[in-house]
PDB file of N, CA and C in Angstrom:
ATOM      1  N   MET A   1       8.003-249.740   4.433  1.00  0.00           N
ATOM      2  CA  MET A   1       8.919-250.737   4.549  1.00  0.00           C
ATOM      3  C   MET A   1       8.738-250.380   6.128  1.00  0.00           C
ATOM      4  N   ALA A   2       8.450-251.014   6.932  1.00  0.00           N
ATOM      5  CA  ALA A   2       7.616-251.441   8.322  1.00  0.00           C
ATOM      6  C   ALA A   2       9.025-250.744   9.624  1.00  0.00           C
ATOM      7  N   TYR A   3      10.066-251.035   9.299  1.00  0.00           N
ATOM      8  CA  TYR A   3      11.449-251.122  10.364  1.00  0.00           C
ATOM      9  C   TYR A   3      11.834-250.056   9.976  1.00  0.00           C
ATOM     10  N   THR A   4      11.130-248.754   9.586  1.00  0.00           N
ATOM     11  CA  THR A   4      11.973-248.203   9.047  1.00  0.00           C
ATOM     12  C   THR A   4      13.162-246.971  10.367  1.00  0.00           C
ATOM     13  N   TYR A   5      11.949-246.879  11.602  1.00  0.00           N
ATOM     14  CA  TYR A   5      12.481-246.447  12.807  1.00  0.00           C
ATOM     15  C   TYR A   5      14.015-247.154  13.335  1.00  0.00           C
ATOM     16  N   ILE A   6      13.915-248.401  13.045  1.00  0.00           N
ATOM     17  CA  ILE A   6      14.827-249.203  13.388  1.00  0.00           C
ATOM     18  C   ILE A   6      16.764-249.088  11.887  1.00  0.00           C
ATOM     19  N   GLU A   7      15.746-249.009  11.057  1.00  0.00           N
ATOM     20  CA  GLU A   7      16.864-248.485  10.591  1.00  0.00           C
ATOM     21  C   GLU A   7      17.852-246.976  10.282  1.00  0.00           C
ATOM     22  N   ARG A   8      16.688-246.290  10.613  1.00  0.00           N
ATOM     23  CA  ARG A   8      17.437-244.843  11.171  1.00  0.00           C
ATOM     24  C   ARG A   8      18.161-244.892  12.667  1.00  0.00           C
ATOM     25  N   ALA A   9      17.610-245.404  13.417  1.00  0.00           N
ATOM     26  CA  ALA A   9      18.473-245.021  14.973  1.00  0.00           C
ATOM     27  C   ALA A   9      19.194-246.225  14.954  1.00  0.00           C
ATOM     28  N   TYR A  10      19.182-247.247  14.101  1.00  0.00           N
ATOM     29  CA  TYR A  10      20.090-248.499  14.543  1.00  0.00           C
ATOM     30  C   TYR A  10      21.239-249.036  13.504  1.00  0.00           C
ATOM     31  N   GLY A  11      20.955-247.966  12.314  1.00  0.00           N
ATOM     32  CA  GLY A  11      21.709-248.616  11.101  1.00  0.00           C
ATOM     33  C   GLY A  11      21.427-249.727  10.092  1.00  0.00           C
ATOM     34  N   LYS A  12      20.561-250.728  10.644  1.00  0.00           N
ATOM     35  CA  LYS A  12      20.574-251.835  10.668  1.00  0.00           C
ATOM     36  C   LYS A  12      19.083-251.945   9.738  1.00  0.00           C
ATOM     37  N   ARG A  13      18.499-252.828   8.324  1.00  0.00           N
ATOM     38  CA  ARG A  13      17.116-253.002   7.569  1.00  0.00           C
ATOM     39  C   ARG A  13      16.844-254.437   8.075  1.00  0.00           C
ATOM     40  N   PHE A  14      15.937-254.003   8.474  1.00  0.00           N
ATOM     41  CA  PHE A  14      15.407-255.825   8.705  1.00  0.00           C
ATOM     42  C   PHE A  14      13.855-255.775   7.736  1.00  0.00           C
ATOM     43  N   GLU A  15      13.337-257.147   7.357  1.00  0.00           N
ATOM     44  CA  GLU A  15      12.527-257.431   6.758  1.00  0.00           C
ATOM     45  C   GLU A  15      12.283-258.173   6.509  1.00  0.00           C
ATOM     46  N   ALA A  16      10.476-258.929   6.428  1.00  0.00           N
ATOM     47  CA  ALA A  16       9.930-259.854   6.520  1.00  0.00           C
ATOM     48  C   ALA A  16      10.732-261.118   6.360  1.00  0.00           C
ATOM     49  N   GLY A  17      10.761-261.940   7.123  1.00  0.00           N
ATOM     50  CA  GLY A  17      11.700-263.321   6.073  1.00  0.00           C
ATOM     51  C   GLY A  17      13.307-263.654   5.957  1.00  0.00           C
ATOM     52  N   GLN A  18      13.867-262.091   6.324  1.00  0.00           N
ATOM     53  CA  GLN A  18      14.851-262.512   6.929  1.00  0.00           C
ATOM     54  C   GLN A  18      15.692-263.817   7.759  1.00  0.00           C
ATOM     55  N   ARG A  19      16.440-264.301   8.321  1.00  0.00           N
ATOM     56  CA  ARG A  19      16.633-265.204   8.584  1.00  0.00           C
ATOM     57  C   ARG A  19      17.814-264.405   9.942  1.00  0.00           C
ATOM     58  N   ILE A  20      17.445-264.900  11.309  1.00  0.00           N
ATOM     59  CA  ILE A  20      17.895-263.983  12.466  1.00  0.00           C
ATOM     60  C   ILE A  20      18.750-264.578  13.608  1.00  0.00           C
ATOM     61  N   ARG A  21      19.383-264.400  14.741  1.00  0.00           N
ATOM     62  CA  ARG A  21      19.852-264.468  15.623  1.00  0.00           C
ATOM     63  C   ARG A  21      19.166-263.847  16.225  1.00  0.00           C
ATOM     64  N   PHE A  22      18.918-264.253  17.244  1.00  0.00           N
ATOM     65  CA  PHE A  22      18.440-263.899  18.519  1.00  0.00           C
ATOM     66  C   PHE A  22      19.878-263.701  19.848  1.00  0.00           C
ATOM     67  N   THR A  23      20.655-262.686  19.758  1.00  0.00           N
ATOM     68  CA  THR A  23      21.959-262.608  20.584  1.00  0.00           C
ATOM     69  C   THR A  23      22.412-263.669  22.256  1.00  0.00           C
ATOM     70  N   GLU A  24      20.844-262.426  22.649  1.00  0.00           N
ATOM     71  CA  GLU A  24      20.367-262.945  24.131  1.00  0.00           C
ATOM     72  C   GLU A  24      20.284-264.181  23.960  1.00  0.00           C
ATOM     73  N   TYR A  25      19.761-265.268  23.616  1.00  0.00           N
ATOM     74  CA  TYR A  25      19.555-266.927  23.667  1.00  0.00           C
ATOM     75  C   TYR A  25      20.631-267.120  22.677  1.00  0.00           C
ATOM     76  N   LYS A  26      21.372-268.671  23.805  1.00  0.00           N
ATOM     77  CA  LYS A  26      21.943-268.809  23.778  1.00  0.00           C
ATOM     78  C   LYS A  26      22.120-270.491  22.461  1.00  0.00           C
ATOM     79  N   GLY A  27      22.576-270.710  22.046  1.00  0.00           N
ATOM     80  CA  GLY A  27      23.124-271.354  20.888  1.00  0.00           C
ATOM     81  C   GLY A  27      21.894-271.603  19.427  1.00  0.00           C
ATOM     82  N   GLU A  28      21.311-273.298  19.191  1.00  0.00           N
ATOM     83  CA  GLU A  28      19.756-272.898  18.539  1.00  0.00           C
ATOM     84  C   GLU A  28      18.567-271.911  19.044  1.00  0.00           C
ATOM     85  N   ARG A  29      18.714-271.731  19.928  1.00  0.00           N
ATOM     86  CA  ARG A  29      17.082-270.900  20.686  1.00  0.00           C
ATOM     87  C   ARG A  29      16.954-269.827  20.079  1.00  0.00           C
ATOM     88  N   GLY A  30      18.242-269.467  19.561  1.00  0.00           N
ATOM     89  CA  GLY A  30      18.198-268.048  19.636  1.00  0.00           C
ATOM     90  C   GLY A  30      17.613-267.390  17.714  1.00  0.00           C
ATOM     91  N   LEU A  31      17.581-268.809  16.955  1.00  0.00           N
ATOM     92  CA  LEU A  31      17.246-268.933  15.416  1.00  0.00           C
ATOM     93  C   LEU A  31      16.465-268.724  14.819  1.00  0.00           C
ATOM     94  N   GLY A  32      15.562-267.357  14.164  1.00  0.00           N
ATOM     95  CA  GLY A  32      14.368-267.310  13.990  1.00  0.00           C
ATOM     96  C   GLY A  32      14.433-266.597  12.276  1.00  0.00           C
ATOM     97  N   VAL A  33      13.267-266.309  12.247  1.00  0.00           N
ATOM     98  CA  VAL A  33      13.445-265.341  11.212  1.00  0.00           C
ATOM     99  C   VAL A  33      12.283-263.912  11.470  1.00  0.00           C
ATOM    100  N   VAL A  34      12.088-262.682  11.160  1.00  0.00           N
ATOM    101  CA  VAL A  34      11.835-261.532  11.185  1.00  0.00           C
ATOM    102  C   VAL A  34      10.398-261.495  10.587  1.00  0.00           C
ATOM    103  N   ARG A  35       9.230-261.209  10.934  1.00  0.00           N
ATOM    104  CA  ARG A  35       8.142-260.897  11.496  1.00  0.00           C
ATOM    105  C   ARG A  35       7.508-259.895  10.375  1.00  0.00           C
ATOM    106  N   GLY A  36       6.336-260.123   9.527  1.00  0.00           N
ATOM    107  CA  GLY A  36       6.219-258.139   9.061  1.00  0.00           C
ATOM    108  C   GLY A  36       5.245-257.787   9.982  1.00  0.00           C
ATOM    109  N   VAL A  37       5.370-256.958   9.998  1.00  0.00           N
ATOM    110  CA  VAL A  37       4.394-255.810  11.436  1.00  0.00           C
ATOM    111  C   VAL A  37       3.592-254.859  10.751  1.00  0.00           C
ATOM    112  N   ARG A  38       3.103-254.667  11.436  1.00  0.00           N
ATOM    113  CA  ARG A  38       2.573-253.131  10.897  1.00  0.00           C
ATOM    114  C   ARG A  38       2.870-251.422  11.393  1.00  0.00           C
ATOM    115  N   GLY A  39       3.072-250.689  11.135  1.00  0.00           N
ATOM    116  CA  GLY A  39       3.400-248.966  11.835  1.00  0.00           C
ATOM    117  C   GLY A  39       5.114-249.286  11.563  1.00  0.00           C
ATOM    118  N   ASP A  40       5.482-248.337  12.916  1.00  0.00           N
ATOM    119  CA  ASP A  40       6.883-248.378  12.363  1.00  0.00           C
ATOM    120  C   ASP A  40       7.250-249.282  13.814  1.00  0.00           C
ATOM    121  N   PRO A  41       7.171-249.922  14.206  1.00  0.00           N
ATOM    122  CA  PRO A  41       7.817-250.209  15.793  1.00  0.00           C
ATOM    123  C   PRO A  41       9.443-250.017  16.737  1.00  0.00           C
ATOM    124  N   GLN A  42       9.840-250.135  18.012  1.00  0.00           N
ATOM    125  CA  GLN A  42      10.891-249.778  18.141  1.00  0.00           C
ATOM    126  C   GLN A  42      11.585-251.017  18.205  1.00  0.00           C
ATOM    127  N   TYR A  43      10.917-252.532  17.923  1.00  0.00           N
ATOM    128  CA  TYR A  43      10.921-253.796  18.267  1.00  0.00           C
ATOM    129  C   TYR A  43      11.184-254.351  17.088  1.00  0.00           C
ATOM    130  N   VAL A  44      12.214-255.844  16.686  1.00  0.00           N
ATOM    131  CA  VAL A  44      11.586-256.349  15.859  1.00  0.00           C
ATOM    132  C   VAL A  44      11.194-257.573  16.111  1.00  0.00           C
ATOM    133  N   ARG A  45      10.228-257.942  15.369  1.00  0.00           N
ATOM    134  CA  ARG A  45       9.587-258.731  15.337  1.00  0.00           C
ATOM    135  C   ARG A  45       9.780-260.253  14.839  1.00  0.00           C
ATOM    136  N   GLY A  46      10.430-260.945  16.063  1.00  0.00           N
ATOM    137  CA  GLY A  46      10.882-262.387  15.208  1.00  0.00           C
ATOM    138  C   GLY A  46       9.922-263.526  15.529  1.00  0.00           C
ATOM    139  N   LEU A  47       9.665-264.401  15.150  1.00  0.00           N
ATOM    140  CA  LEU A  47       9.186-266.112  14.774  1.00  0.00           C
ATOM    141  C   LEU A  47      10.488-267.175  15.134  1.00  0.00           C
ATOM    142  N   PHE A  48      10.578-267.891  16.522  1.00  0.00           N
ATOM    143  CA  PHE A  48      11.466-268.601  15.828  1.00  0.00           C
ATOM    144  C   PHE A  48      11.049-270.169  16.283  1.00  0.00           C
ATOM    145  N   ASP A  49      12.485-270.754  15.599  1.00  0.00           N
ATOM    146  CA  ASP A  49      12.360-272.227  15.069  1.00  0.00           C
ATOM    147  C   ASP A  49      11.817-273.157  16.297  1.00  0.00           C
ATOM    148  N   ASP A  50      12.216-272.920  17.293  1.00  0.00           N
ATOM    149  CA  ASP A  50      11.404-273.305  19.108  1.00  0.00           C
ATOM    150  C   ASP A  50       9.680-272.563  18.605  1.00  0.00           C
ATOM    151  N   GLY A  51       9.059-272.412  17.866  1.00  0.00           N
ATOM    152  CA  GLY A  51       7.660-272.116  17.783  1.00  0.00           C
ATOM    153  C   GLY A  51       7.555-270.584  18.602  1.00  0.00           C
ATOM    154  N   HIS A  52       8.309-270.373  19.496  1.00  0.00           N
ATOM    155  CA  HIS A  52       7.891-268.723  20.242  1.00  0.00           C
ATOM    156  C   HIS A  52       7.831-267.541  18.932  1.00  0.00           C
ATOM    157  N   GLU A  53       7.353-266.813  19.320  1.00  0.00           N
ATOM    158  CA  GLU A  53       7.106-265.408  18.700  1.00  0.00           C
ATOM    159  C   GLU A  53       7.379-264.252  20.273  1.00  0.00           C
ATOM    160  N   GLY A  54       8.409-263.549  19.510  1.00  0.00           N
ATOM    161  CA  GLY A  54       8.408-262.098  20.650  1.00  0.00           C
ATOM    162  C   GLY A  54       8.914-261.202  19.692  1.00  0.00           C
ATOM    163  N   ASP A  55       9.422-259.808  20.670  1.00  0.00           N
ATOM    164  CA  ASP A  55       9.871-258.153  20.728  1.00  0.00           C
ATOM    165  C   ASP A  55      11.005-258.450  20.577  1.00  0.00           C
ATOM    166  N   CYS A  56      11.972-258.072  20.193  1.00  0.00           N
ATOM    167  CA  CYS A  56      14.029-258.462  20.133  1.00  0.00           C
ATOM    168  C   CYS A  56      14.487-256.702  20.262  1.00  0.00           C
ATOM    169  N   HIS A  57      15.042-255.858  20.901  1.00  0.00           N
ATOM    170  CA  HIS A  57      16.114-255.109  20.593  1.00  0.00           C
ATOM    171  C   HIS A  57      16.559-255.032  19.456  1.00  0.00           C
ATOM    172  N   PRO A  58      16.570-254.173  18.312  1.00  0.00           N
ATOM    173  CA  PRO A  58      17.874-254.291  17.520  1.00  0.00           C
ATOM    174  C   PRO A  58      19.265-254.856  18.025  1.00  0.00           C
ATOM    175  N   GLY A  59      19.392-253.956  18.765  1.00  0.00           N
ATOM    176  CA  GLY A  59      20.786-254.290  19.145  1.00  0.00           C
ATOM    177  C   GLY A  59      21.299-255.619  19.510  1.00  0.00           C
ATOM    178  N   SER A  60      20.674-256.546  19.967  1.00  0.00           N
ATOM    179  CA  SER A  60      20.133-257.911  19.948  1.00  0.00           C
ATOM    180  C   SER A  60      20.044-258.711  19.221  1.00  0.00           C
ATOM    181  N   VAL A  61      19.906-258.353  18.091  1.00  0.00           N
ATOM    182  CA  VAL A  61      19.544-259.273  16.534  1.00  0.00           C
ATOM    183  C   VAL A  61      20.582-258.921  15.952  1.00  0.00           C
ATOM    184  N   GLU A  62      21.031-260.158  15.227  1.00  0.00           N
ATOM    185  CA  GLU A  62      22.306-260.721  14.100  1.00  0.00           C
ATOM    186  C   GLU A  62      21.464-260.717  12.897  1.00  0.00           C
ATOM    187  N   ILE A  63      21.627-260.376  12.175  1.00  0.00           N
ATOM    188  CA  ILE A  63      21.056-260.536  10.514  1.00  0.00           C
ATOM    189  C   ILE A  63      22.147-261.700  10.094  1.00  0.00           C
ATOM    190  N   LEU A  64      21.785-262.988   9.932  1.00  0.00           N
ATOM    191  CA  LEU A  64      21.874-264.217   8.701  1.00  0.00           C
ATOM    192  C   LEU A  64      22.201-263.990   7.761  1.00  0.00           C
ATOM    193  N   PRO A  65      23.071-264.027   6.934  1.00  0.00           N
ATOM    194  CA  PRO A  65      23.348-264.037   5.279  1.00  0.00           C
ATOM    195  C   PRO A  65      22.553-265.142   4.776  1.00  0.00           C
ATOM    196  N   SER A  66      21.729-265.203   3.857  1.00  0.00           N
ATOM    197  CA  SER A  66      21.015-266.089   3.108  1.00  0.00           C
ATOM    198  C   SER A  66      21.662-266.879   2.559  1.00  0.00           C
ATOM    199  N   ASN A  67      21.173-268.275   2.352  1.00  0.00           N
ATOM    200  CA  ASN A  67      22.178-269.250   1.601  1.00  0.00           C
ATOM    201  C   ASN A  67      21.743-268.742  -0.205  1.00  0.00           C
TER     202      ASN A  67
END
């Protein structure tokens, strides 16, 4: 798993394809999916519904329930 450090440090397990909400953005702007990464980064890579992509602090990312 690529997000091993984050799981150890924050107790959150991120996997590519999970729906997320970046809590530092308001409303729909913060919705997206976890991107797959290489290595063991300290930030979660998100691809957001509005097309932008970025690294997010794990403490500011909420994993949404799958439907």
